[in-house]
Amino acid sequence: MPHLAAFFSRPWAVLGASIIFRAVLLFYGRWQDANSPVKYTDIDYLVFTDASRSLASGGSPYERATYRYTPLLAWLLYPTTWGGLWFEFGKALFAAGDVITGWLIFCILRGQGMSSERSMKFASIWLLNPMVANISTRGSSEGLVVVVVIALLWAALRKRILLAGCLLGFGVHLKIYPFIYAASIFWWLGSDGKPGASSLSRLLSYERIVLTLSSFVTFMILNGVMYMQYVFRDPRHLANRR
């Protein structure tokens, strides 16, 4: 089909279509929330935005019952406290994460030698997937976690190890499960070691050390700052934890 081939051969067209698709869902969701007893917005998004309002009033995000995420997420959604259309800011942010993820998938496949058209066809499985777009525009934060994971893969393949380590630490801070990718990247970094090198020197290669230290330091700094600010200094939250 020549029209489809022309469409996928223009990355800007696919990206534009994915952005328009998500924008339509955002406005539709706002309409459904206002006119239907069945809400489009995910209940977790209400938890996120309530936590942001707690921050805006000088409190802790953990004052909101069932908030079990990093305070950083509440800070990222701070503009939702400004009211009006700003309430949709978080959904737009998550949807933007979807689009960036699709672009990174395209870049990764191109970097592996795949043609532009074929790379975009595979990326479109994500970019034009109704389920993916629906999840992010309803207010699920998974779009942020996924873009960090794909950016981690992109950085590792480009051998930008320091960036990859920082992204790994940041991703695990957001949600614990990106940690499962650490082992595969760690061992992959040693797959091109010199034949004569000892097993210890391969295990403790420079790239592996940089990945391990940068991810650990990033994770600990983020956790330490958030803990000191919102747990250690907040006796109400400590009381709730007991």
C-alpha atoms as a PDB file:
ATOM      1  CA  MET A   1       0.000   0.000   0.000  1.00  0.00           C
ATOM      2  CA  PRO A   2       1.871   3.085  -1.255  1.00  0.00           C
ATOM      3  CA  HIS A   3       0.049   5.529   1.025  1.00  0.00           C
ATOM      4  CA  LEU A   4       1.023   3.589   4.161  1.00  0.00           C
ATOM      5  CA  ALA A   5       4.594   3.238   2.936  1.00  0.00           C
ATOM      6  CA  ALA A   6       4.773   6.997   2.397  1.00  0.00           C
ATOM      7  CA  PHE A   7       3.310   7.581   5.863  1.00  0.00           C
ATOM      8  CA  PHE A   8       5.843   5.388   7.659  1.00  0.00           C
ATOM      9  CA  SER A   9       8.715   6.787   5.618  1.00  0.00           C
ATOM     10  CA  ARG A  10       8.072  10.196   7.217  1.00  0.00           C
ATOM     11  CA  PRO A  11       8.854   9.984  10.945  1.00  0.00           C
ATOM     12  CA  TRP A  12       7.454  13.482  11.550  1.00  0.00           C
ATOM     13  CA  ALA A  13       4.078  12.343  10.155  1.00  0.00           C
ATOM     14  CA  VAL A  14       3.869   9.374  12.508  1.00  0.00           C
ATOM     15  CA  LEU A  15       4.965  11.450  15.483  1.00  0.00           C
ATOM     16  CA  GLY A  16       2.472  14.159  14.567  1.00  0.00           C
ATOM     17  CA  ALA A  17      -0.334  11.613  14.297  1.00  0.00           C
ATOM     18  CA  SER A  18       0.562  10.143  17.697  1.00  0.00           C
ATOM     19  CA  ILE A  19       0.530  13.610  19.298  1.00  0.00           C
ATOM     20  CA  ILE A  20      -2.831  14.509  17.734  1.00  0.00           C
ATOM     21  CA  PHE A  21      -4.252  11.144  18.812  1.00  0.00           C
ATOM     22  CA  ARG A  22      -3.303  11.787  22.418  1.00  0.00           C
ATOM     23  CA  ALA A  23      -4.527  15.374  22.331  1.00  0.00           C
ATOM     24  CA  VAL A  24      -7.937  14.172  21.140  1.00  0.00           C
ATOM     25  CA  LEU A  25      -8.065  11.624  23.974  1.00  0.00           C
ATOM     26  CA  LEU A  26      -7.137  14.300  26.520  1.00  0.00           C
ATOM     27  CA  PHE A  27     -10.009  16.565  25.450  1.00  0.00           C
ATOM     28  CA  TYR A  28     -12.398  13.634  25.164  1.00  0.00           C
ATOM     29  CA  GLY A  29     -11.449  12.510  28.661  1.00  0.00           C
ATOM     30  CA  ARG A  30     -12.167  15.958  30.025  1.00  0.00           C
ATOM     31  CA  TRP A  31     -15.594  15.894  28.356  1.00  0.00           C
ATOM     32  CA  GLN A  32     -16.381  12.394  29.677  1.00  0.00           C
ATOM     33  CA  ASP A  33     -15.387  13.348  33.219  1.00  0.00           C
ATOM     34  CA  ALA A  34     -17.796  16.291  33.082  1.00  0.00           C
ATOM     35  CA  ASN A  35     -20.730  14.473  31.458  1.00  0.00           C
ATOM     36  CA  SER A  36     -20.630  10.816  32.472  1.00  0.00           C
ATOM     37  CA  PRO A  37     -20.895   8.972  35.788  1.00  0.00           C
ATOM     38  CA  VAL A  38     -18.158   6.671  34.458  1.00  0.00           C
ATOM     39  CA  LYS A  39     -14.995   8.760  34.686  1.00  0.00           C
ATOM     40  CA  TYR A  40     -12.195   8.674  32.161  1.00  0.00           C
ATOM     41  CA  THR A  41      -9.540   9.810  34.630  1.00  0.00           C
ATOM     42  CA  ASP A  42      -7.751   7.059  36.538  1.00  0.00           C
ATOM     43  CA  ILE A  43      -8.254   7.102  40.309  1.00  0.00           C
ATOM     44  CA  ASP A  44      -4.462   7.103  40.765  1.00  0.00           C
ATOM     45  CA  TYR A  45      -4.289  10.453  38.984  1.00  0.00           C
ATOM     46  CA  LEU A  46      -6.564  11.925  41.646  1.00  0.00           C
ATOM     47  CA  VAL A  47      -4.181  10.556  44.263  1.00  0.00           C
ATOM     48  CA  PHE A  48      -1.216  12.177  42.477  1.00  0.00           C
ATOM     49  CA  THR A  49      -2.912  15.558  42.151  1.00  0.00           C
ATOM     50  CA  ASP A  50      -4.167  15.498  45.756  1.00  0.00           C
ATOM     51  CA  ALA A  51      -0.576  14.898  46.851  1.00  0.00           C
ATOM     52  CA  SER A  52       0.533  17.862  44.735  1.00  0.00           C
ATOM     53  CA  ARG A  53      -2.069  20.042  46.444  1.00  0.00           C
ATOM     54  CA  SER A  54      -0.659  18.965  49.793  1.00  0.00           C
ATOM     55  CA  LEU A  55       2.763  20.151  48.622  1.00  0.00           C
ATOM     56  CA  ALA A  56       1.312  23.436  47.390  1.00  0.00           C
ATOM     57  CA  SER A  57      -0.165  24.098  50.824  1.00  0.00           C
ATOM     58  CA  GLY A  58       3.196  23.477  52.490  1.00  0.00           C
ATOM     59  CA  GLY A  59       2.468  19.917  53.592  1.00  0.00           C
ATOM     60  CA  SER A  60       3.689  16.440  52.683  1.00  0.00           C
ATOM     61  CA  PRO A  61       2.398  14.340  49.781  1.00  0.00           C
ATOM     62  CA  TYR A  62       1.980  11.478  52.244  1.00  0.00           C
ATOM     63  CA  GLU A  63      -0.847  13.344  53.916  1.00  0.00           C
ATOM     64  CA  ARG A  64      -2.905  11.972  51.040  1.00  0.00           C
ATOM     65  CA  ALA A  65      -4.117   8.461  51.925  1.00  0.00           C
ATOM     66  CA  THR A  66      -2.835   5.702  49.587  1.00  0.00           C
ATOM     67  CA  TYR A  67      -0.052   7.913  48.157  1.00  0.00           C
ATOM     68  CA  ARG A  68       2.862   5.464  47.977  1.00  0.00           C
ATOM     69  CA  TYR A  69       5.074   7.047  45.362  1.00  0.00           C
ATOM     70  CA  THR A  70       8.150   9.250  45.395  1.00  0.00           C
ATOM     71  CA  PRO A  71       7.463  12.895  46.372  1.00  0.00           C
ATOM     72  CA  LEU A  72       9.237  13.764  43.144  1.00  0.00           C
ATOM     73  CA  LEU A  73       6.147  12.644  41.233  1.00  0.00           C
ATOM     74  CA  ALA A  74       3.969  15.052  43.220  1.00  0.00           C
ATOM     75  CA  TRP A  75       6.443  17.835  42.461  1.00  0.00           C
ATOM     76  CA  LEU A  76       6.385  17.023  38.731  1.00  0.00           C
ATOM     77  CA  LEU A  77       2.608  17.419  38.808  1.00  0.00           C
ATOM     78  CA  TYR A  78       2.704  20.683  40.767  1.00  0.00           C
ATOM     79  CA  PRO A  79       1.162  22.710  37.860  1.00  0.00           C
ATOM     80  CA  THR A  80      -2.048  20.682  38.280  1.00  0.00           C
ATOM     81  CA  THR A  81      -2.694  22.716  41.440  1.00  0.00           C
ATOM     82  CA  TRP A  82      -3.203  25.885  39.364  1.00  0.00           C
ATOM     83  CA  GLY A  83      -6.718  24.791  38.362  1.00  0.00           C
ATOM     84  CA  GLY A  84      -8.635  24.801  35.079  1.00  0.00           C
ATOM     85  CA  LEU A  85      -6.946  23.115  32.146  1.00  0.00           C
ATOM     86  CA  TRP A  86      -3.776  22.865  34.229  1.00  0.00           C
ATOM     87  CA  PHE A  87      -5.402  19.876  35.936  1.00  0.00           C
ATOM     88  CA  GLU A  88      -4.636  17.954  32.730  1.00  0.00           C
ATOM     89  CA  PHE A  89      -0.925  18.832  32.906  1.00  0.00           C
ATOM     90  CA  GLY A  90       0.088  15.482  34.387  1.00  0.00           C
ATOM     91  CA  LYS A  91      -1.797  13.532  31.730  1.00  0.00           C
ATOM     92  CA  ALA A  92      -0.133  15.620  29.025  1.00  0.00           C
ATOM     93  CA  LEU A  93       3.245  14.967  30.663  1.00  0.00           C
ATOM     94  CA  PHE A  94       2.641  11.205  30.719  1.00  0.00           C
ATOM     95  CA  ALA A  95       1.436  11.300  27.099  1.00  0.00           C
ATOM     96  CA  ALA A  96       4.577  13.225  26.115  1.00  0.00           C
ATOM     97  CA  GLY A  97       6.563  10.439  27.733  1.00  0.00           C
ATOM     98  CA  ASP A  98       4.790   7.992  25.416  1.00  0.00           C
ATOM     99  CA  VAL A  99       5.779   9.990  22.337  1.00  0.00           C
ATOM    100  CA  ILE A 100       9.407  10.323  23.465  1.00  0.00           C
ATOM    101  CA  THR A 101       9.477   6.572  24.114  1.00  0.00           C
ATOM    102  CA  GLY A 102       8.326   5.905  20.561  1.00  0.00           C
ATOM    103  CA  TRP A 103      10.968   8.243  19.165  1.00  0.00           C
ATOM    104  CA  LEU A 104      13.682   6.526  21.213  1.00  0.00           C
ATOM    105  CA  ILE A 105      12.508   3.124  19.936  1.00  0.00           C
ATOM    106  CA  PHE A 106      12.881   4.491  16.412  1.00  0.00           C
ATOM    107  CA  CYS A 107      16.380   5.824  17.185  1.00  0.00           C
ATOM    108  CA  ILE A 108      17.473   2.540  18.762  1.00  0.00           C
ATOM    109  CA  LEU A 109      16.321   0.496  15.758  1.00  0.00           C
ATOM    110  CA  ARG A 110      17.972   2.926  13.333  1.00  0.00           C
ATOM    111  CA  GLY A 111      21.165   2.621  15.334  1.00  0.00           C
ATOM    112  CA  GLN A 112      21.025  -1.153  14.866  1.00  0.00           C
ATOM    113  CA  GLY A 113      21.035  -0.733  11.090  1.00  0.00           C
ATOM    114  CA  MET A 114      17.312  -1.013  10.369  1.00  0.00           C
ATOM    115  CA  SER A 115      15.837   1.169   7.634  1.00  0.00           C
ATOM    116  CA  SER A 116      13.956   4.330   8.599  1.00  0.00           C
ATOM    117  CA  GLU A 117      10.613   3.072   7.290  1.00  0.00           C
ATOM    118  CA  ARG A 118      10.828  -0.296   9.013  1.00  0.00           C
ATOM    119  CA  SER A 119      12.072   1.273  12.247  1.00  0.00           C
ATOM    120  CA  MET A 120       9.084   3.616  12.294  1.00  0.00           C
ATOM    121  CA  LYS A 121       6.697   0.730  11.632  1.00  0.00           C
ATOM    122  CA  PHE A 122       7.965  -1.005  14.747  1.00  0.00           C
ATOM    123  CA  ALA A 123       7.924   2.243  16.741  1.00  0.00           C
ATOM    124  CA  SER A 124       4.321   2.766  15.626  1.00  0.00           C
ATOM    125  CA  ILE A 125       3.303  -0.357  17.522  1.00  0.00           C
ATOM    126  CA  TRP A 126       3.875   1.857  20.555  1.00  0.00           C
ATOM    127  CA  LEU A 127       3.140   5.306  19.171  1.00  0.00           C
ATOM    128  CA  LEU A 128      -0.214   4.463  17.566  1.00  0.00           C
ATOM    129  CA  ASN A 129      -1.326   1.824  20.057  1.00  0.00           C
ATOM    130  CA  PRO A 130      -4.764   2.837  21.470  1.00  0.00           C
ATOM    131  CA  MET A 131      -4.128   1.002  24.740  1.00  0.00           C
ATOM    132  CA  VAL A 132      -0.833   2.813  25.352  1.00  0.00           C
ATOM    133  CA  ALA A 133      -2.392   6.195  24.566  1.00  0.00           C
ATOM    134  CA  ASN A 134      -5.436   5.447  26.715  1.00  0.00           C
ATOM    135  CA  ILE A 135      -3.372   4.489  29.752  1.00  0.00           C
ATOM    136  CA  SER A 136      -1.259   7.653  29.726  1.00  0.00           C
ATOM    137  CA  THR A 137      -4.111  10.066  28.942  1.00  0.00           C
ATOM    138  CA  ARG A 138      -6.160   8.621  31.791  1.00  0.00           C
ATOM    139  CA  GLY A 139      -3.388   9.677  34.146  1.00  0.00           C
ATOM    140  CA  SER A 140      -1.199   6.621  34.709  1.00  0.00           C
ATOM    141  CA  SER A 141       2.400   7.494  35.537  1.00  0.00           C
ATOM    142  CA  GLU A 142       3.759   4.383  33.806  1.00  0.00           C
ATOM    143  CA  GLY A 143       4.568   6.521  30.767  1.00  0.00           C
ATOM    144  CA  LEU A 144       7.291   8.254  32.784  1.00  0.00           C
ATOM    145  CA  VAL A 145       8.817   5.000  33.973  1.00  0.00           C
ATOM    146  CA  VAL A 146       8.795   3.502  30.477  1.00  0.00           C
ATOM    147  CA  VAL A 147      10.501   6.506  28.884  1.00  0.00           C
ATOM    148  CA  VAL A 148      13.252   6.309  31.510  1.00  0.00           C
ATOM    149  CA  VAL A 149      13.747   2.578  30.818  1.00  0.00           C
ATOM    150  CA  ILE A 150      13.911   3.069  27.042  1.00  0.00           C
ATOM    151  CA  ALA A 151      16.243   6.050  27.479  1.00  0.00           C
ATOM    152  CA  LEU A 152      18.418   3.774  29.658  1.00  0.00           C
ATOM    153  CA  LEU A 153      18.590   1.226  26.825  1.00  0.00           C
ATOM    154  CA  TRP A 154      19.377   3.962  24.289  1.00  0.00           C
ATOM    155  CA  ALA A 155      22.177   5.365  26.470  1.00  0.00           C
ATOM    156  CA  ALA A 156      23.667   1.921  27.104  1.00  0.00           C
ATOM    157  CA  LEU A 157      23.720   1.078  23.396  1.00  0.00           C
ATOM    158  CA  ARG A 158      25.400   4.413  22.682  1.00  0.00           C
ATOM    159  CA  LYS A 159      27.929   3.583  25.411  1.00  0.00           C
ATOM    160  CA  ARG A 160      26.989   6.676  27.375  1.00  0.00           C
ATOM    161  CA  ILE A 161      27.512   4.733  30.550  1.00  0.00           C
ATOM    162  CA  LEU A 162      27.415   7.589  33.048  1.00  0.00           C
ATOM    163  CA  LEU A 163      24.066   8.749  31.637  1.00  0.00           C
ATOM    164  CA  ALA A 164      22.800   5.159  31.630  1.00  0.00           C
ATOM    165  CA  GLY A 165      23.721   4.743  35.296  1.00  0.00           C
ATOM    166  CA  CYS A 166      21.985   7.991  36.276  1.00  0.00           C
ATOM    167  CA  LEU A 167      18.867   6.934  34.363  1.00  0.00           C
ATOM    168  CA  LEU A 168      18.916   3.537  36.047  1.00  0.00           C
ATOM    169  CA  GLY A 169      19.128   5.106  39.491  1.00  0.00           C
ATOM    170  CA  PHE A 170      16.391   7.593  38.628  1.00  0.00           C
ATOM    171  CA  GLY A 171      14.153   4.862  37.207  1.00  0.00           C
ATOM    172  CA  VAL A 172      14.499   2.672  40.303  1.00  0.00           C
ATOM    173  CA  HIS A 173      13.723   5.718  42.443  1.00  0.00           C
ATOM    174  CA  LEU A 174      10.495   6.260  40.503  1.00  0.00           C
ATOM    175  CA  LYS A 175       9.502   2.587  40.713  1.00  0.00           C
ATOM    176  CA  ILE A 176      11.483  -0.403  41.844  1.00  0.00           C
ATOM    177  CA  TYR A 177      11.030  -2.670  38.805  1.00  0.00           C
ATOM    178  CA  PRO A 178      13.543  -0.986  36.405  1.00  0.00           C
ATOM    179  CA  PHE A 179      16.152  -2.648  38.642  1.00  0.00           C
ATOM    180  CA  ILE A 180      15.568  -5.912  36.729  1.00  0.00           C
ATOM    181  CA  TYR A 181      17.372  -4.393  33.723  1.00  0.00           C
ATOM    182  CA  ALA A 182      20.513  -3.689  35.724  1.00  0.00           C
ATOM    183  CA  ALA A 183      21.867  -7.247  35.581  1.00  0.00           C
ATOM    184  CA  SER A 184      21.411  -7.656  31.815  1.00  0.00           C
ATOM    185  CA  ILE A 185      23.095  -4.313  31.058  1.00  0.00           C
ATOM    186  CA  PHE A 186      25.882  -5.088  33.551  1.00  0.00           C
ATOM    187  CA  TRP A 187      26.712  -8.414  31.899  1.00  0.00           C
ATOM    188  CA  TRP A 188      26.292  -7.006  28.378  1.00  0.00           C
ATOM    189  CA  LEU A 189      28.952  -4.400  29.135  1.00  0.00           C
ATOM    190  CA  GLY A 190      31.450  -7.236  29.643  1.00  0.00           C
ATOM    191  CA  SER A 191      30.527  -9.128  26.479  1.00  0.00           C
ATOM    192  CA  ASP A 192      33.241  -7.399  24.405  1.00  0.00           C
ATOM    193  CA  GLY A 193      36.084  -7.884  26.868  1.00  0.00           C
ATOM    194  CA  LYS A 194      39.604  -8.719  25.680  1.00  0.00           C
ATOM    195  CA  PRO A 195      40.225 -12.475  25.284  1.00  0.00           C
ATOM    196  CA  GLY A 196      43.375 -12.356  27.425  1.00  0.00           C
ATOM    197  CA  ALA A 197      41.864 -10.406  30.285  1.00  0.00           C
ATOM    198  CA  SER A 198      41.431 -12.110  33.639  1.00  0.00           C
ATOM    199  CA  SER A 199      37.940 -12.901  34.932  1.00  0.00           C
ATOM    200  CA  LEU A 200      38.372 -10.324  37.733  1.00  0.00           C
ATOM    201  CA  SER A 201      39.386  -7.534  35.355  1.00  0.00           C
ATOM    202  CA  ARG A 202      36.393  -8.346  33.163  1.00  0.00           C
ATOM    203  CA  LEU A 203      34.063  -8.290  36.149  1.00  0.00           C
ATOM    204  CA  LEU A 204      35.493  -5.005  37.390  1.00  0.00           C
ATOM    205  CA  SER A 205      35.739  -3.282  34.035  1.00  0.00           C
ATOM    206  CA  TYR A 206      35.668   0.506  33.897  1.00  0.00           C
ATOM    207  CA  GLU A 207      32.227   0.638  32.261  1.00  0.00           C
ATOM    208  CA  ARG A 208      30.705  -1.698  34.840  1.00  0.00           C
ATOM    209  CA  ILE A 209      32.153   0.314  37.703  1.00  0.00           C
ATOM    210  CA  VAL A 210      30.825   3.579  36.226  1.00  0.00           C
ATOM    211  CA  LEU A 211      27.371   2.051  35.705  1.00  0.00           C
ATOM    212  CA  THR A 212      27.221   0.642  39.221  1.00  0.00           C
ATOM    213  CA  LEU A 213      28.498   3.734  41.017  1.00  0.00           C
ATOM    214  CA  SER A 214      26.484   6.276  39.020  1.00  0.00           C
ATOM    215  CA  SER A 215      23.225   4.359  39.445  1.00  0.00           C
ATOM    216  CA  PHE A 216      23.837   3.777  43.159  1.00  0.00           C
ATOM    217  CA  VAL A 217      24.800   7.400  43.847  1.00  0.00           C
ATOM    218  CA  THR A 218      21.804   8.749  41.884  1.00  0.00           C
ATOM    219  CA  PHE A 219      19.405   6.400  43.652  1.00  0.00           C
ATOM    220  CA  MET A 220      20.782   7.163  47.115  1.00  0.00           C
ATOM    221  CA  ILE A 221      20.837  10.940  46.612  1.00  0.00           C
ATOM    222  CA  LEU A 222      17.224  11.015  45.428  1.00  0.00           C
ATOM    223  CA  ASN A 223      16.062   8.667  48.173  1.00  0.00           C
ATOM    224  CA  GLY A 224      18.043  10.514  50.827  1.00  0.00           C
ATOM    225  CA  VAL A 225      16.735  13.948  49.871  1.00  0.00           C
ATOM    226  CA  MET A 226      13.119  12.765  49.722  1.00  0.00           C
ATOM    227  CA  TYR A 227      13.392  10.817  52.960  1.00  0.00           C
ATOM    228  CA  MET A 228      14.926  13.713  54.872  1.00  0.00           C
ATOM    229  CA  GLN A 229      12.362  16.157  53.538  1.00  0.00           C
ATOM    230  CA  TYR A 230       9.140  14.171  53.803  1.00  0.00           C
ATOM    231  CA  VAL A 231       9.652  11.269  56.199  1.00  0.00           C
ATOM    232  CA  PHE A 232      12.365  12.019  58.742  1.00  0.00           C
ATOM    233  CA  ARG A 233      11.177  15.609  59.303  1.00  0.00           C
ATOM    234  CA  ASP A 234       7.461  14.800  59.200  1.00  0.00           C
ATOM    235  CA  PRO A 235       6.362  13.292  62.538  1.00  0.00           C
ATOM    236  CA  ARG A 236       2.815  12.841  61.268  1.00  0.00           C
ATOM    237  CA  HIS A 237       4.026  10.528  58.532  1.00  0.00           C
ATOM    238  CA  LEU A 238       6.187   8.603  60.984  1.00  0.00           C
ATOM    239  CA  ALA A 239       3.124   8.156  63.198  1.00  0.00           C
ATOM    240  CA  ASN A 240       1.147   6.850  60.212  1.00  0.00           C
ATOM    241  CA  ARG A 241       3.890   4.369  59.424  1.00  0.00           C
ATOM    242  CA  ARG A 242       3.627   2.913  62.934  1.00  0.00           C
END
